Amino acid sequence: MELLLKTIAVELVEDKDAVTVTCDEPNEDGIVVYHLHVAQDDMGRIIGKKGRIAKAIRTLMRAGAAKADQKVMVEIE
């Protein structure tokens, strides 16, 4: 899942070296939180107009996690 998120983000941004993904341990509800860090100049590219790209990224991650029988949440920082 971490690789999927990083692959998606790297293709969207200009500063590909600034993309990092960290992962927290599952919380009491079994949800794994992924933190996506990008350069400040690329935040608009990741969020998109009215948050459409961010919503699409979260949807893809949830779909991938469902196949692996997991629950995930993506935070963009």
PDB file of N, CA and C in Angstrom:
ATOM      1  N   MET A   1       0.819  -1.193   0.000  1.00  0.00           N
ATOM      2  CA  MET A   1       0.000   0.000   0.000  1.00  0.00           C
ATOM      3  C   MET A   1       0.866   1.261   0.000  1.00  0.00           C
ATOM      4  N   GLU A   2       1.950   1.192   0.729  1.00  0.00           N
ATOM      5  CA  GLU A   2       2.850   2.349   0.787  1.00  0.00           C
ATOM      6  C   GLU A   2       3.448   2.637  -0.595  1.00  0.00           C
ATOM      7  N   LEU A   3       3.800   1.585  -1.307  1.00  0.00           N
ATOM      8  CA  LEU A   3       4.361   1.736  -2.645  1.00  0.00           C
ATOM      9  C   LEU A   3       3.326   2.305  -3.618  1.00  0.00           C
ATOM     10  N   LEU A   4       2.081   1.870  -3.492  1.00  0.00           N
ATOM     11  CA  LEU A   4       1.009   2.390  -4.346  1.00  0.00           C
ATOM     12  C   LEU A   4       0.849   3.895  -4.155  1.00  0.00           C
ATOM     13  N   LEU A   5       0.791   4.334  -2.912  1.00  0.00           N
ATOM     14  CA  LEU A   5       0.630   5.758  -2.622  1.00  0.00           C
ATOM     15  C   LEU A   5       1.814   6.567  -3.145  1.00  0.00           C
ATOM     16  N   LYS A   6       3.015   6.064  -2.938  1.00  0.00           N
ATOM     17  CA  LYS A   6       4.196   6.797  -3.401  1.00  0.00           C
ATOM     18  C   LYS A   6       4.231   6.866  -4.923  1.00  0.00           C
ATOM     19  N   THR A   7       3.868   5.787  -5.601  1.00  0.00           N
ATOM     20  CA  THR A   7       3.861   5.767  -7.060  1.00  0.00           C
ATOM     21  C   THR A   7       2.875   6.781  -7.620  1.00  0.00           C
ATOM     22  N   ILE A   8       1.703   6.848  -7.040  1.00  0.00           N
ATOM     23  CA  ILE A   8       0.690   7.815  -7.494  1.00  0.00           C
ATOM     24  C   ILE A   8       1.200   9.239  -7.295  1.00  0.00           C
ATOM     25  N   ALA A   9       1.736   9.519  -6.117  1.00  0.00           N
ATOM     26  CA  ALA A   9       2.175  10.879  -5.790  1.00  0.00           C
ATOM     27  C   ALA A   9       3.349  11.321  -6.659  1.00  0.00           C
ATOM     28  N   VAL A  10       4.293  10.434  -6.903  1.00  0.00           N
ATOM     29  CA  VAL A  10       5.483  10.793  -7.687  1.00  0.00           C
ATOM     30  C   VAL A  10       5.097  11.208  -9.101  1.00  0.00           C
ATOM     31  N   GLU A  11       4.090  10.576  -9.650  1.00  0.00           N
ATOM     32  CA  GLU A  11       3.658  10.917 -11.006  1.00  0.00           C
ATOM     33  C   GLU A  11       2.933  12.259 -11.083  1.00  0.00           C
ATOM     34  N   LEU A  12       2.437  12.757  -9.969  1.00  0.00           N
ATOM     35  CA  LEU A  12       1.674  14.009  -9.971  1.00  0.00           C
ATOM     36  C   LEU A  12       2.516  15.259  -9.699  1.00  0.00           C
ATOM     37  N   VAL A  13       3.647  15.102  -9.023  1.00  0.00           N
ATOM     38  CA  VAL A  13       4.404  16.267  -8.571  1.00  0.00           C
ATOM     39  C   VAL A  13       5.600  16.559  -9.474  1.00  0.00           C
ATOM     40  N   GLU A  14       6.164  17.746  -9.306  1.00  0.00           N
ATOM     41  CA  GLU A  14       7.373  18.126 -10.041  1.00  0.00           C
ATOM     42  C   GLU A  14       8.629  17.728  -9.275  1.00  0.00           C
ATOM     43  N   ASP A  15       8.633  17.941  -7.958  1.00  0.00           N
ATOM     44  CA  ASP A  15       9.790  17.615  -7.120  1.00  0.00           C
ATOM     45  C   ASP A  15       9.626  16.186  -6.594  1.00  0.00           C
ATOM     46  N   LYS A  16      10.045  15.226  -7.402  1.00  0.00           N
ATOM     47  CA  LYS A  16       9.832  13.812  -7.093  1.00  0.00           C
ATOM     48  C   LYS A  16      10.658  13.338  -5.897  1.00  0.00           C
ATOM     49  N   ASP A  17      11.780  13.989  -5.629  1.00  0.00           N
ATOM     50  CA  ASP A  17      12.630  13.600  -4.505  1.00  0.00           C
ATOM     51  C   ASP A  17      12.033  13.984  -3.157  1.00  0.00           C
ATOM     52  N   ALA A  18      11.117  14.932  -3.144  1.00  0.00           N
ATOM     53  CA  ALA A  18      10.534  15.398  -1.892  1.00  0.00           C
ATOM     54  C   ALA A  18       9.367  14.521  -1.418  1.00  0.00           C
ATOM     55  N   VAL A  19       8.956  13.569  -2.230  1.00  0.00           N
ATOM     56  CA  VAL A  19       7.812  12.718  -1.869  1.00  0.00           C
ATOM     57  C   VAL A  19       8.259  11.638  -0.890  1.00  0.00           C
ATOM     58  N   THR A  20       7.626  11.624   0.283  1.00  0.00           N
ATOM     59  CA  THR A  20       7.871  10.562   1.259  1.00  0.00           C
ATOM     60  C   THR A  20       6.536  10.081   1.805  1.00  0.00           C
ATOM     61  N   VAL A  21       6.509   8.812   2.145  1.00  0.00           N
ATOM     62  CA  VAL A  21       5.307   8.215   2.719  1.00  0.00           C
ATOM     63  C   VAL A  21       5.706   7.518   4.008  1.00  0.00           C
ATOM     64  N   THR A  22       5.016   7.840   5.096  1.00  0.00           N
ATOM     65  CA  THR A  22       5.229   7.143   6.358  1.00  0.00           C
ATOM     66  C   THR A  22       3.934   6.465   6.756  1.00  0.00           C
ATOM     67  N   CYS A  23       4.073   5.446   7.548  1.00  0.00           N
ATOM     68  CA  CYS A  23       2.922   4.625   7.905  1.00  0.00           C
ATOM     69  C   CYS A  23       2.880   4.446   9.419  1.00  0.00           C
ATOM     70  N   ASP A  24       1.705   4.617  10.018  1.00  0.00           N
ATOM     71  CA  ASP A  24       1.523   4.370  11.443  1.00  0.00           C
ATOM     72  C   ASP A  24       1.063   2.935  11.653  1.00  0.00           C
ATOM     73  N   GLU A  25       1.226   2.465  12.869  1.00  0.00           N
ATOM     74  CA  GLU A  25       0.699   1.146  13.232  1.00  0.00           C
ATOM     75  C   GLU A  25      -0.826   1.216  13.255  1.00  0.00           C
ATOM     76  N   PRO A  26      -1.512   0.103  13.033  1.00  0.00           N
ATOM     77  CA  PRO A  26      -2.986   0.111  13.081  1.00  0.00           C
ATOM     78  C   PRO A  26      -3.486   0.572  14.449  1.00  0.00           C
ATOM     79  N   ASN A  27      -4.519   1.414  14.437  1.00  0.00           N
ATOM     80  CA  ASN A  27      -5.087   1.885  15.696  1.00  0.00           C
ATOM     81  C   ASN A  27      -6.071   0.854  16.240  1.00  0.00           C
ATOM     82  N   GLU A  28      -6.814   1.214  17.268  1.00  0.00           N
ATOM     83  CA  GLU A  28      -7.721   0.258  17.916  1.00  0.00           C
ATOM     84  C   GLU A  28      -8.838  -0.219  16.988  1.00  0.00           C
ATOM     85  N   ASP A  29      -9.145   0.566  15.953  1.00  0.00           N
ATOM     86  CA  ASP A  29     -10.167   0.168  14.983  1.00  0.00           C
ATOM     87  C   ASP A  29      -9.569  -0.615  13.810  1.00  0.00           C
ATOM     88  N   GLY A  30      -8.264  -0.811  13.801  1.00  0.00           N
ATOM     89  CA  GLY A  30      -7.601  -1.538  12.730  1.00  0.00           C
ATOM     90  C   GLY A  30      -7.298  -0.686  11.511  1.00  0.00           C
ATOM     91  N   ILE A  31      -7.361   0.637  11.659  1.00  0.00           N
ATOM     92  CA  ILE A  31      -7.109   1.549  10.540  1.00  0.00           C
ATOM     93  C   ILE A  31      -5.631   1.933  10.518  1.00  0.00           C
ATOM     94  N   VAL A  32      -5.012   1.770   9.368  1.00  0.00           N
ATOM     95  CA  VAL A  32      -3.617   2.154   9.178  1.00  0.00           C
ATOM     96  C   VAL A  32      -3.605   3.540   8.536  1.00  0.00           C
ATOM     97  N   VAL A  33      -2.880   4.479   9.143  1.00  0.00           N
ATOM     98  CA  VAL A  33      -2.818   5.846   8.631  1.00  0.00           C
ATOM     99  C   VAL A  33      -1.518   6.031   7.864  1.00  0.00           C
ATOM    100  N   TYR A  34      -1.647   6.460   6.604  1.00  0.00           N
ATOM    101  CA  TYR A  34      -0.491   6.767   5.757  1.00  0.00           C
ATOM    102  C   TYR A  34      -0.362   8.280   5.674  1.00  0.00           C
ATOM    103  N   HIS A  35       0.851   8.783   5.890  1.00  0.00           N
ATOM    104  CA  HIS A  35       1.134  10.214   5.822  1.00  0.00           C
ATOM    105  C   HIS A  35       1.933  10.477   4.554  1.00  0.00           C
ATOM    106  N   LEU A  36       1.375  11.279   3.670  1.00  0.00           N
ATOM    107  CA  LEU A  36       2.032  11.640   2.420  1.00  0.00           C
ATOM    108  C   LEU A  36       2.623  13.035   2.568  1.00  0.00           C
ATOM    109  N   HIS A  37       3.938  13.138   2.407  1.00  0.00           N
ATOM    110  CA  HIS A  37       4.640  14.423   2.504  1.00  0.00           C
ATOM    111  C   HIS A  37       5.154  14.792   1.118  1.00  0.00           C
ATOM    112  N   VAL A  38       4.829  16.005   0.672  1.00  0.00           N
ATOM    113  CA  VAL A  38       5.317  16.512  -0.609  1.00  0.00           C
ATOM    114  C   VAL A  38       5.855  17.917  -0.396  1.00  0.00           C
ATOM    115  N   ALA A  39       6.569  18.437  -1.389  1.00  0.00           N
ATOM    116  CA  ALA A  39       7.092  19.804  -1.319  1.00  0.00           C
ATOM    117  C   ALA A  39       5.923  20.794  -1.264  1.00  0.00           C
ATOM    118  N   GLN A  40       6.154  21.907  -0.623  1.00  0.00           N
ATOM    119  CA  GLN A  40       5.102  22.922  -0.470  1.00  0.00           C
ATOM    120  C   GLN A  40       4.572  23.397  -1.818  1.00  0.00           C
ATOM    121  N   ASP A  41       5.437  23.503  -2.811  1.00  0.00           N
ATOM    122  CA  ASP A  41       5.017  23.958  -4.137  1.00  0.00           C
ATOM    123  C   ASP A  41       4.125  22.943  -4.852  1.00  0.00           C
ATOM    124  N   ASP A  42       4.187  21.685  -4.448  1.00  0.00           N
ATOM    125  CA  ASP A  42       3.410  20.628  -5.098  1.00  0.00           C
ATOM    126  C   ASP A  42       2.105  20.294  -4.383  1.00  0.00           C
ATOM    127  N   MET A  43       1.812  20.980  -3.305  1.00  0.00           N
ATOM    128  CA  MET A  43       0.579  20.682  -2.553  1.00  0.00           C
ATOM    129  C   MET A  43      -0.666  20.857  -3.426  1.00  0.00           C
ATOM    130  N   GLY A  44      -0.681  21.881  -4.250  1.00  0.00           N
ATOM    131  CA  GLY A  44      -1.825  22.121  -5.124  1.00  0.00           C
ATOM    132  C   GLY A  44      -2.028  21.010  -6.137  1.00  0.00           C
ATOM    133  N   ARG A  45      -0.937  20.425  -6.592  1.00  0.00           N
ATOM    134  CA  ARG A  45      -1.028  19.325  -7.553  1.00  0.00           C
ATOM    135  C   ARG A  45      -1.603  18.070  -6.900  1.00  0.00           C
ATOM    136  N   ILE A  46      -1.291  17.850  -5.643  1.00  0.00           N
ATOM    137  CA  ILE A  46      -1.786  16.668  -4.939  1.00  0.00           C
ATOM    138  C   ILE A  46      -3.233  16.857  -4.497  1.00  0.00           C
ATOM    139  N   ILE A  47      -3.589  18.062  -4.071  1.00  0.00           N
ATOM    140  CA  ILE A  47      -4.951  18.300  -3.595  1.00  0.00           C
ATOM    141  C   ILE A  47      -5.912  18.478  -4.764  1.00  0.00           C
ATOM    142  N   GLY A  48      -5.521  19.226  -5.772  1.00  0.00           N
ATOM    143  CA  GLY A  48      -6.379  19.430  -6.936  1.00  0.00           C
ATOM    144  C   GLY A  48      -7.460  20.456  -6.673  1.00  0.00           C
ATOM    145  N   LYS A  49      -8.215  20.768  -7.716  1.00  0.00           N
ATOM    146  CA  LYS A  49      -9.301  21.733  -7.578  1.00  0.00           C
ATOM    147  C   LYS A  49     -10.421  21.121  -6.746  1.00  0.00           C
ATOM    148  N   LYS A  50     -10.810  21.846  -5.714  1.00  0.00           N
ATOM    149  CA  LYS A  50     -11.850  21.419  -4.782  1.00  0.00           C
ATOM    150  C   LYS A  50     -11.550  20.051  -4.159  1.00  0.00           C
ATOM    151  N   GLY A  51     -10.269  19.679  -4.109  1.00  0.00           N
ATOM    152  CA  GLY A  51      -9.869  18.438  -3.460  1.00  0.00           C
ATOM    153  C   GLY A  51     -10.153  17.183  -4.252  1.00  0.00           C
ATOM    154  N   ARG A  52     -10.371  17.311  -5.532  1.00  0.00           N
ATOM    155  CA  ARG A  52     -10.741  16.150  -6.351  1.00  0.00           C
ATOM    156  C   ARG A  52      -9.631  15.114  -6.451  1.00  0.00           C
ATOM    157  N   ILE A  53      -8.395  15.566  -6.633  1.00  0.00           N
ATOM    158  CA  ILE A  53      -7.292  14.610  -6.766  1.00  0.00           C
ATOM    159  C   ILE A  53      -7.034  13.921  -5.432  1.00  0.00           C
ATOM    160  N   ALA A  54      -7.078  14.667  -4.341  1.00  0.00           N
ATOM    161  CA  ALA A  54      -6.890  14.070  -3.019  1.00  0.00           C
ATOM    162  C   ALA A  54      -7.976  13.026  -2.749  1.00  0.00           C
ATOM    163  N   LYS A  55      -9.194  13.329  -3.121  1.00  0.00           N
ATOM    164  CA  LYS A  55     -10.298  12.391  -2.930  1.00  0.00           C
ATOM    165  C   LYS A  55     -10.085  11.135  -3.780  1.00  0.00           C
ATOM    166  N   ALA A  56      -9.601  11.313  -5.002  1.00  0.00           N
ATOM    167  CA  ALA A  56      -9.341  10.171  -5.876  1.00  0.00           C
ATOM    168  C   ALA A  56      -8.222   9.298  -5.318  1.00  0.00           C
ATOM    169  N   ILE A  57      -7.174   9.918  -4.769  1.00  0.00           N
ATOM    170  CA  ILE A  57      -6.079   9.157  -4.167  1.00  0.00           C
ATOM    171  C   ILE A  57      -6.600   8.337  -2.996  1.00  0.00           C
ATOM    172  N   ARG A  58      -7.412   8.954  -2.163  1.00  0.00           N
ATOM    173  CA  ARG A  58      -7.970   8.237  -1.002  1.00  0.00           C
ATOM    174  C   ARG A  58      -8.869   7.087  -1.442  1.00  0.00           C
ATOM    175  N   THR A  59      -9.637   7.293  -2.514  1.00  0.00           N
ATOM    176  CA  THR A  59     -10.511   6.242  -3.028  1.00  0.00           C
ATOM    177  C   THR A  59      -9.694   5.060  -3.553  1.00  0.00           C
ATOM    178  N   LEU A  60      -8.632   5.342  -4.293  1.00  0.00           N
ATOM    179  CA  LEU A  60      -7.759   4.277  -4.794  1.00  0.00           C
ATOM    180  C   LEU A  60      -7.112   3.504  -3.650  1.00  0.00           C
ATOM    181  N   MET A  61      -6.684   4.207  -2.634  1.00  0.00           N
ATOM    182  CA  MET A  61      -6.058   3.540  -1.492  1.00  0.00           C
ATOM    183  C   MET A  61      -7.061   2.658  -0.749  1.00  0.00           C
ATOM    184  N   ARG A  62      -8.284   3.146  -0.577  1.00  0.00           N
ATOM    185  CA  ARG A  62      -9.308   2.328   0.089  1.00  0.00           C
ATOM    186  C   ARG A  62      -9.641   1.088  -0.726  1.00  0.00           C
ATOM    187  N   ALA A  63      -9.684   1.237  -2.058  1.00  0.00           N
ATOM    188  CA  ALA A  63      -9.985   0.100  -2.923  1.00  0.00           C
ATOM    189  C   ALA A  63      -8.861  -0.935  -2.848  1.00  0.00           C
ATOM    190  N   GLY A  64      -7.627  -0.487  -2.873  1.00  0.00           N
ATOM    191  CA  GLY A  64      -6.497  -1.399  -2.752  1.00  0.00           C
ATOM    192  C   GLY A  64      -6.456  -2.084  -1.400  1.00  0.00           C
ATOM    193  N   ALA A  65      -6.810  -1.348  -0.368  1.00  0.00           N
ATOM    194  CA  ALA A  65      -6.809  -1.919   0.979  1.00  0.00           C
ATOM    195  C   ALA A  65      -7.930  -2.933   1.147  1.00  0.00           C
ATOM    196  N   ALA A  66      -9.039  -2.705   0.489  1.00  0.00           N
ATOM    197  CA  ALA A  66     -10.161  -3.635   0.588  1.00  0.00           C
ATOM    198  C   ALA A  66      -9.779  -5.006   0.028  1.00  0.00           C
ATOM    199  N   LYS A  67      -8.989  -5.003  -1.031  1.00  0.00           N
ATOM    200  CA  LYS A  67      -8.519  -6.275  -1.600  1.00  0.00           C
ATOM    201  C   LYS A  67      -7.604  -7.006  -0.629  1.00  0.00           C
ATOM    202  N   ALA A  68      -6.858  -6.258   0.172  1.00  0.00           N
ATOM    203  CA  ALA A  68      -5.944  -6.850   1.151  1.00  0.00           C
ATOM    204  C   ALA A  68      -6.625  -7.023   2.507  1.00  0.00           C
ATOM    205  N   ASP A  69      -7.939  -6.770   2.569  1.00  0.00           N
ATOM    206  CA  ASP A  69      -8.737  -6.870   3.803  1.00  0.00           C
ATOM    207  C   ASP A  69      -8.165  -5.986   4.907  1.00  0.00           C
ATOM    208  N   GLN A  70      -7.901  -4.721   4.543  1.00  0.00           N
ATOM    209  CA  GLN A  70      -7.375  -3.743   5.480  1.00  0.00           C
ATOM    210  C   GLN A  70      -8.241  -2.493   5.428  1.00  0.00           C
ATOM    211  N   LYS A  71      -8.031  -1.618   6.398  1.00  0.00           N
ATOM    212  CA  LYS A  71      -8.653  -0.293   6.408  1.00  0.00           C
ATOM    213  C   LYS A  71      -7.532   0.725   6.442  1.00  0.00           C
ATOM    214  N   VAL A  72      -7.611   1.718   5.551  1.00  0.00           N
ATOM    215  CA  VAL A  72      -6.556   2.732   5.502  1.00  0.00           C
ATOM    216  C   VAL A  72      -7.145   4.135   5.500  1.00  0.00           C
ATOM    217  N   MET A  73      -6.309   5.083   5.866  1.00  0.00           N
ATOM    218  CA  MET A  73      -6.649   6.498   5.807  1.00  0.00           C
ATOM    219  C   MET A  73      -5.399   7.232   5.321  1.00  0.00           C
ATOM    220  N   VAL A  74      -5.574   8.212   4.466  1.00  0.00           N
ATOM    221  CA  VAL A  74      -4.445   8.961   3.909  1.00  0.00           C
ATOM    222  C   VAL A  74      -4.516  10.398   4.394  1.00  0.00           C
ATOM    223  N   GLU A  75      -3.417  10.866   4.964  1.00  0.00           N
ATOM    224  CA  GLU A  75      -3.303  12.263   5.357  1.00  0.00           C
ATOM    225  C   GLU A  75      -2.225  12.908   4.498  1.00  0.00           C
ATOM    226  N   ILE A  76      -2.550  14.042   3.913  1.00  0.00           N
ATOM    227  CA  ILE A  76      -1.614  14.754   3.038  1.00  0.00           C
ATOM    228  C   ILE A  76      -1.026  15.921   3.817  1.00  0.00           C
ATOM    229  N   GLU A  77       0.294  15.944   3.927  1.00  0.00           N
ATOM    230  CA  GLU A  77       0.969  16.973   4.733  1.00  0.00           C
ATOM    231  C   GLU A  77       2.033  17.658   3.922  1.00  0.00           C
TER     232      GLU A  77
END
